[in-house]
N, C-alpha and C. Protein backbone atom coordinates (compact mmCIF):
# COMPACT_ATOMS: atom_id res chain seq x y z
N GLN A 1 0.84 -1.19 0.00
CA GLN A 1 0.00 0.00 0.00
C GLN A 1 0.87 1.25 0.00
N VAL A 2 0.29 2.33 -0.48
CA VAL A 2 0.95 3.62 -0.53
C VAL A 2 0.14 4.62 0.28
N GLN A 3 0.82 5.38 1.10
CA GLN A 3 0.19 6.45 1.85
C GLN A 3 0.68 7.79 1.31
N LEU A 4 -0.24 8.71 1.10
CA LEU A 4 0.09 10.05 0.66
C LEU A 4 -0.29 11.01 1.78
N VAL A 5 0.67 11.78 2.24
CA VAL A 5 0.45 12.71 3.35
C VAL A 5 0.73 14.12 2.87
N GLU A 6 -0.31 14.95 2.88
CA GLU A 6 -0.18 16.34 2.45
C GLU A 6 0.12 17.25 3.64
N SER A 7 0.76 18.36 3.35
CA SER A 7 1.02 19.38 4.36
C SER A 7 1.18 20.72 3.66
N GLY A 8 1.09 21.79 4.43
CA GLY A 8 1.34 23.12 3.90
C GLY A 8 0.13 23.99 3.70
N GLY A 9 -1.07 23.44 3.88
CA GLY A 9 -2.26 24.25 3.73
C GLY A 9 -2.40 25.25 4.86
N GLY A 10 -3.33 26.18 4.68
CA GLY A 10 -3.55 27.18 5.70
C GLY A 10 -4.38 28.32 5.19
N LEU A 11 -4.39 29.40 5.97
CA LEU A 11 -5.14 30.61 5.65
C LEU A 11 -4.18 31.70 5.24
N VAL A 12 -4.42 32.28 4.07
CA VAL A 12 -3.60 33.38 3.57
C VAL A 12 -4.49 34.45 2.97
N GLN A 13 -3.94 35.64 2.86
CA GLN A 13 -4.65 36.73 2.20
C GLN A 13 -4.45 36.66 0.70
N ALA A 14 -5.39 37.24 -0.03
CA ALA A 14 -5.26 37.30 -1.48
C ALA A 14 -3.93 37.93 -1.86
N GLY A 15 -3.29 37.33 -2.85
CA GLY A 15 -1.98 37.77 -3.28
C GLY A 15 -0.84 37.06 -2.59
N GLY A 16 -1.14 36.30 -1.57
CA GLY A 16 -0.12 35.58 -0.83
C GLY A 16 0.27 34.28 -1.50
N SER A 17 1.13 33.55 -0.82
CA SER A 17 1.67 32.30 -1.36
C SER A 17 1.62 31.19 -0.33
N LEU A 18 1.51 29.98 -0.83
CA LEU A 18 1.60 28.78 -0.02
C LEU A 18 2.34 27.72 -0.82
N ARG A 19 3.00 26.83 -0.11
CA ARG A 19 3.68 25.71 -0.74
C ARG A 19 3.16 24.41 -0.12
N LEU A 20 2.48 23.62 -0.92
CA LEU A 20 1.96 22.34 -0.48
C LEU A 20 2.97 21.24 -0.77
N SER A 21 3.02 20.27 0.12
CA SER A 21 3.89 19.12 -0.05
C SER A 21 3.07 17.85 0.11
N CYS A 22 3.47 16.82 -0.60
CA CYS A 22 2.83 15.52 -0.49
C CYS A 22 3.91 14.45 -0.59
N ALA A 23 4.07 13.70 0.47
CA ALA A 23 5.08 12.65 0.52
C ALA A 23 4.42 11.28 0.43
N ALA A 24 4.90 10.47 -0.49
CA ALA A 24 4.41 9.11 -0.64
C ALA A 24 5.31 8.15 0.12
N SER A 25 4.70 7.22 0.82
CA SER A 25 5.46 6.24 1.57
C SER A 25 4.84 4.87 1.41
N GLY A 26 5.60 3.84 1.72
CA GLY A 26 5.15 2.48 1.59
C GLY A 26 6.16 1.66 0.81
N ARG A 27 5.75 0.47 0.44
CA ARG A 27 6.63 -0.41 -0.34
C ARG A 27 6.54 -0.01 -1.81
N ILE A 28 7.11 1.14 -2.11
CA ILE A 28 6.99 1.73 -3.43
C ILE A 28 8.09 1.22 -4.36
N VAL A 29 7.67 0.71 -5.49
CA VAL A 29 8.61 0.35 -6.54
C VAL A 29 8.89 1.56 -7.42
N SER A 30 7.83 2.24 -7.81
CA SER A 30 7.96 3.44 -8.62
C SER A 30 6.72 4.29 -8.47
N VAL A 31 6.88 5.58 -8.68
CA VAL A 31 5.77 6.52 -8.69
C VAL A 31 5.74 7.16 -10.06
N ASN A 32 4.63 7.01 -10.74
CA ASN A 32 4.51 7.56 -12.09
C ASN A 32 3.99 9.00 -12.01
N VAL A 33 2.78 9.21 -12.45
CA VAL A 33 2.21 10.55 -12.43
C VAL A 33 1.82 10.93 -11.00
N MET A 34 2.13 12.15 -10.62
CA MET A 34 1.66 12.72 -9.37
C MET A 34 0.89 13.99 -9.72
N ALA A 35 -0.14 14.27 -8.96
CA ALA A 35 -1.01 15.38 -9.31
C ALA A 35 -1.62 16.01 -8.08
N TRP A 36 -2.10 17.23 -8.26
CA TRP A 36 -2.88 17.93 -7.25
C TRP A 36 -4.27 18.20 -7.80
N TYR A 37 -5.27 17.88 -7.02
CA TYR A 37 -6.65 18.20 -7.29
C TYR A 37 -7.17 19.13 -6.21
N ARG A 38 -8.28 19.78 -6.48
CA ARG A 38 -8.91 20.59 -5.45
C ARG A 38 -10.42 20.49 -5.56
N GLN A 39 -11.07 20.66 -4.44
CA GLN A 39 -12.52 20.60 -4.39
C GLN A 39 -13.03 21.71 -3.48
N ALA A 40 -13.76 22.64 -4.07
CA ALA A 40 -14.38 23.72 -3.33
C ALA A 40 -15.75 23.26 -2.85
N PRO A 41 -16.29 23.92 -1.82
CA PRO A 41 -17.61 23.54 -1.31
C PRO A 41 -18.67 23.56 -2.41
N GLY A 42 -19.41 22.47 -2.53
CA GLY A 42 -20.46 22.38 -3.53
C GLY A 42 -19.98 22.14 -4.94
N LYS A 43 -18.69 21.95 -5.13
CA LYS A 43 -18.12 21.76 -6.46
C LYS A 43 -17.53 20.36 -6.60
N GLU A 44 -17.30 19.96 -7.84
CA GLU A 44 -16.64 18.70 -8.11
C GLU A 44 -15.14 18.84 -7.91
N ARG A 45 -14.49 17.70 -7.71
CA ARG A 45 -13.04 17.69 -7.56
C ARG A 45 -12.40 17.83 -8.94
N ASP A 46 -11.55 18.84 -9.10
CA ASP A 46 -10.95 19.15 -10.38
C ASP A 46 -9.43 19.06 -10.32
N LEU A 47 -8.85 18.70 -11.45
CA LEU A 47 -7.40 18.65 -11.56
C LEU A 47 -6.82 20.06 -11.55
N VAL A 48 -5.80 20.27 -10.74
CA VAL A 48 -5.09 21.53 -10.68
C VAL A 48 -3.80 21.46 -11.50
N ALA A 49 -3.01 20.44 -11.25
CA ALA A 49 -1.74 20.28 -11.94
C ALA A 49 -1.29 18.84 -11.84
N ARG A 50 -0.52 18.41 -12.81
CA ARG A 50 0.02 17.06 -12.80
C ARG A 50 1.45 17.09 -13.30
N ILE A 51 2.23 16.09 -12.89
CA ILE A 51 3.61 16.00 -13.31
C ILE A 51 3.97 14.53 -13.46
N THR A 52 4.61 14.19 -14.56
CA THR A 52 5.02 12.82 -14.81
C THR A 52 6.35 12.56 -14.13
N SER A 53 6.74 11.29 -14.14
CA SER A 53 8.02 10.93 -13.55
C SER A 53 9.19 11.57 -14.29
N GLY A 54 8.98 11.90 -15.56
CA GLY A 54 10.00 12.56 -16.35
C GLY A 54 9.99 14.07 -16.24
N GLY A 55 9.02 14.63 -15.51
CA GLY A 55 9.00 16.06 -15.29
C GLY A 55 8.09 16.85 -16.20
N SER A 56 7.33 16.18 -17.06
CA SER A 56 6.38 16.88 -17.90
C SER A 56 5.19 17.33 -17.07
N THR A 57 4.76 18.58 -17.26
CA THR A 57 3.71 19.15 -16.42
C THR A 57 2.52 19.63 -17.23
N ASN A 58 1.37 19.67 -16.58
CA ASN A 58 0.15 20.24 -17.13
C ASN A 58 -0.57 20.98 -16.02
N TYR A 59 -1.22 22.09 -16.38
CA TYR A 59 -1.91 22.92 -15.41
C TYR A 59 -3.31 23.25 -15.89
N ALA A 60 -4.21 23.40 -14.94
CA ALA A 60 -5.50 23.96 -15.26
C ALA A 60 -5.32 25.41 -15.69
N ASP A 61 -6.14 25.86 -16.63
CA ASP A 61 -6.02 27.22 -17.13
C ASP A 61 -6.14 28.25 -16.01
N SER A 62 -6.93 27.96 -15.01
CA SER A 62 -7.19 28.91 -13.94
C SER A 62 -5.98 29.16 -13.06
N VAL A 63 -4.99 28.27 -13.09
CA VAL A 63 -3.82 28.43 -12.22
C VAL A 63 -2.53 28.62 -13.00
N LYS A 64 -2.59 28.49 -14.30
CA LYS A 64 -1.39 28.59 -15.12
C LYS A 64 -0.73 29.95 -14.95
N GLY A 65 0.56 29.93 -14.71
CA GLY A 65 1.31 31.15 -14.49
C GLY A 65 1.40 31.55 -13.03
N ARG A 66 0.57 30.96 -12.19
CA ARG A 66 0.57 31.27 -10.76
C ARG A 66 1.06 30.10 -9.91
N PHE A 67 0.73 28.89 -10.33
CA PHE A 67 1.10 27.69 -9.59
C PHE A 67 2.21 26.95 -10.32
N THR A 68 3.06 26.29 -9.57
CA THR A 68 4.13 25.48 -10.13
C THR A 68 4.17 24.14 -9.41
N ILE A 69 4.07 23.06 -10.17
CA ILE A 69 4.18 21.73 -9.60
C ILE A 69 5.59 21.21 -9.85
N SER A 70 6.14 20.53 -8.87
CA SER A 70 7.47 19.96 -8.99
C SER A 70 7.53 18.68 -8.16
N ARG A 71 8.59 17.92 -8.33
CA ARG A 71 8.71 16.69 -7.57
C ARG A 71 10.16 16.37 -7.29
N ASP A 72 10.37 15.62 -6.23
CA ASP A 72 11.67 15.11 -5.86
C ASP A 72 11.53 13.60 -5.87
N ASN A 73 11.99 12.98 -6.93
CA ASN A 73 11.81 11.54 -7.09
C ASN A 73 12.54 10.74 -6.01
N ALA A 74 13.67 11.25 -5.55
CA ALA A 74 14.42 10.56 -4.51
C ALA A 74 13.63 10.50 -3.20
N LYS A 75 12.78 11.49 -2.98
CA LYS A 75 11.98 11.55 -1.76
C LYS A 75 10.54 11.13 -1.99
N ASN A 76 10.18 10.77 -3.22
CA ASN A 76 8.80 10.44 -3.57
C ASN A 76 7.84 11.52 -3.09
N THR A 77 8.20 12.75 -3.36
CA THR A 77 7.44 13.89 -2.88
C THR A 77 7.10 14.82 -4.04
N VAL A 78 5.87 15.32 -4.02
CA VAL A 78 5.43 16.30 -5.01
C VAL A 78 5.07 17.58 -4.28
N TYR A 79 5.33 18.71 -4.92
CA TYR A 79 5.09 20.01 -4.33
C TYR A 79 4.17 20.83 -5.23
N LEU A 80 3.48 21.76 -4.63
CA LEU A 80 2.69 22.72 -5.39
C LEU A 80 2.96 24.10 -4.80
N GLN A 81 3.73 24.90 -5.54
CA GLN A 81 3.99 26.27 -5.14
C GLN A 81 2.87 27.14 -5.68
N MET A 82 2.14 27.79 -4.81
CA MET A 82 0.99 28.59 -5.18
C MET A 82 1.28 30.05 -4.88
N ASN A 83 1.35 30.86 -5.92
CA ASN A 83 1.59 32.28 -5.79
C ASN A 83 0.39 33.07 -6.27
N SER A 84 0.34 34.33 -5.90
CA SER A 84 -0.75 35.22 -6.31
C SER A 84 -2.11 34.59 -6.07
N LEU A 85 -2.29 34.07 -4.88
CA LEU A 85 -3.52 33.35 -4.56
C LEU A 85 -4.73 34.27 -4.59
N LYS A 86 -5.84 33.70 -5.04
CA LYS A 86 -7.10 34.39 -5.15
C LYS A 86 -8.14 33.71 -4.27
N PRO A 87 -9.17 34.43 -3.84
CA PRO A 87 -10.22 33.79 -3.04
C PRO A 87 -10.83 32.58 -3.73
N GLU A 88 -10.92 32.59 -5.04
CA GLU A 88 -11.48 31.46 -5.76
C GLU A 88 -10.58 30.23 -5.74
N ASP A 89 -9.36 30.35 -5.22
CA ASP A 89 -8.50 29.20 -5.03
C ASP A 89 -8.84 28.44 -3.76
N THR A 90 -9.71 28.98 -2.94
CA THR A 90 -10.09 28.33 -1.70
C THR A 90 -10.71 26.97 -1.98
N ALA A 91 -10.16 25.94 -1.37
CA ALA A 91 -10.62 24.58 -1.59
C ALA A 91 -9.81 23.63 -0.71
N VAL A 92 -10.27 22.39 -0.67
CA VAL A 92 -9.45 21.33 -0.12
C VAL A 92 -8.59 20.79 -1.25
N TYR A 93 -7.30 20.75 -1.04
CA TYR A 93 -6.37 20.29 -2.06
C TYR A 93 -5.94 18.86 -1.74
N TYR A 94 -6.06 18.00 -2.74
CA TYR A 94 -5.77 16.59 -2.58
C TYR A 94 -4.58 16.17 -3.45
N CYS A 95 -3.71 15.40 -2.87
CA CYS A 95 -2.61 14.80 -3.60
C CYS A 95 -3.08 13.49 -4.21
N ASN A 96 -2.62 13.20 -5.42
CA ASN A 96 -2.97 11.97 -6.10
C ASN A 96 -1.74 11.43 -6.80
N ALA A 97 -1.62 10.11 -6.81
CA ALA A 97 -0.45 9.51 -7.44
C ALA A 97 -0.76 8.13 -7.98
N ASP A 98 -0.11 7.79 -9.07
CA ASP A 98 -0.10 6.43 -9.59
C ASP A 98 1.22 5.81 -9.16
N ALA A 99 1.15 4.68 -8.49
CA ALA A 99 2.36 4.07 -7.96
C ALA A 99 2.29 2.56 -8.04
N CYS A 100 3.45 1.94 -8.11
CA CYS A 100 3.58 0.50 -8.06
C CYS A 100 4.16 0.10 -6.72
N VAL A 101 3.60 -0.95 -6.12
CA VAL A 101 4.07 -1.44 -4.84
C VAL A 101 4.43 -2.91 -4.96
N GLY A 102 5.17 -3.39 -3.96
CA GLY A 102 5.58 -4.78 -3.96
C GLY A 102 6.94 -4.98 -4.59
N ALA A 103 7.28 -6.24 -4.79
CA ALA A 103 8.60 -6.57 -5.31
C ALA A 103 8.74 -6.24 -6.80
N VAL A 104 7.66 -6.45 -7.54
CA VAL A 104 7.67 -6.23 -8.98
C VAL A 104 6.45 -5.41 -9.37
N CYS A 105 6.66 -4.41 -10.20
CA CYS A 105 5.56 -3.59 -10.67
C CYS A 105 4.88 -4.28 -11.86
N VAL A 106 3.62 -4.66 -11.67
CA VAL A 106 2.82 -5.24 -12.75
C VAL A 106 2.00 -4.15 -13.42
N PHE A 107 1.32 -3.35 -12.61
CA PHE A 107 0.60 -2.20 -13.11
C PHE A 107 0.44 -1.21 -11.97
N PRO A 108 0.41 0.08 -12.29
CA PRO A 108 0.27 1.07 -11.22
C PRO A 108 -1.16 1.15 -10.70
N ARG A 109 -1.28 1.51 -9.44
CA ARG A 109 -2.57 1.77 -8.83
C ARG A 109 -2.64 3.22 -8.39
N ASN A 110 -3.86 3.71 -8.24
CA ASN A 110 -4.07 5.11 -7.93
C ASN A 110 -4.34 5.30 -6.44
N TYR A 111 -3.75 6.36 -5.87
CA TYR A 111 -3.88 6.64 -4.45
C TYR A 111 -4.22 8.11 -4.23
N TRP A 112 -4.94 8.37 -3.14
CA TRP A 112 -5.32 9.71 -2.75
C TRP A 112 -4.80 10.04 -1.36
N GLY A 113 -4.44 11.29 -1.17
CA GLY A 113 -4.13 11.78 0.16
C GLY A 113 -5.40 12.20 0.87
N GLN A 114 -5.25 12.64 2.12
CA GLN A 114 -6.41 12.99 2.93
C GLN A 114 -6.94 14.40 2.66
N GLY A 115 -6.15 15.21 2.00
CA GLY A 115 -6.54 16.57 1.69
C GLY A 115 -6.03 17.57 2.70
N THR A 116 -5.77 18.78 2.24
CA THR A 116 -5.36 19.87 3.11
C THR A 116 -6.11 21.13 2.70
N GLN A 117 -6.62 21.85 3.68
CA GLN A 117 -7.45 23.01 3.42
C GLN A 117 -6.60 24.22 3.06
N VAL A 118 -6.97 24.89 1.99
CA VAL A 118 -6.39 26.17 1.60
C VAL A 118 -7.50 27.20 1.57
N THR A 119 -7.36 28.24 2.37
CA THR A 119 -8.36 29.30 2.42
C THR A 119 -7.69 30.62 2.11
N VAL A 120 -8.22 31.32 1.12
CA VAL A 120 -7.68 32.61 0.69
C VAL A 120 -8.71 33.68 0.98
N SER A 121 -8.36 34.62 1.83
CA SER A 121 -9.27 35.69 2.20
C SER A 121 -9.02 36.91 1.33
N SER A 122 -10.06 37.70 1.11
CA SER A 122 -9.95 38.90 0.30
C SER A 122 -9.70 40.12 1.16
């Protein structure tokens, strides 16, 4: 099994910054795609950013230019640097990853973190 533990959420004013971290642990053979999703009250959970094991990234249009996703493969950790935060960024942010566990990777499975609250005040 893989556990994803997020940290770094909190309350900030509009225009401020936060850096989210998500560390994967367990009997990990490899971690493929890692991503951040967010879910605002009454809304569906949407993709914010994703990054492949090779470093290729994709961002939602709403955060492009403000957020940066990165990863440290040696630490099995993904980060989300959030700058110029807006009240509409307020949501629970969830870490997601495709990972292989056990002695041999047959196929990756998908895992979710518990979520961390980000609140941006105006």
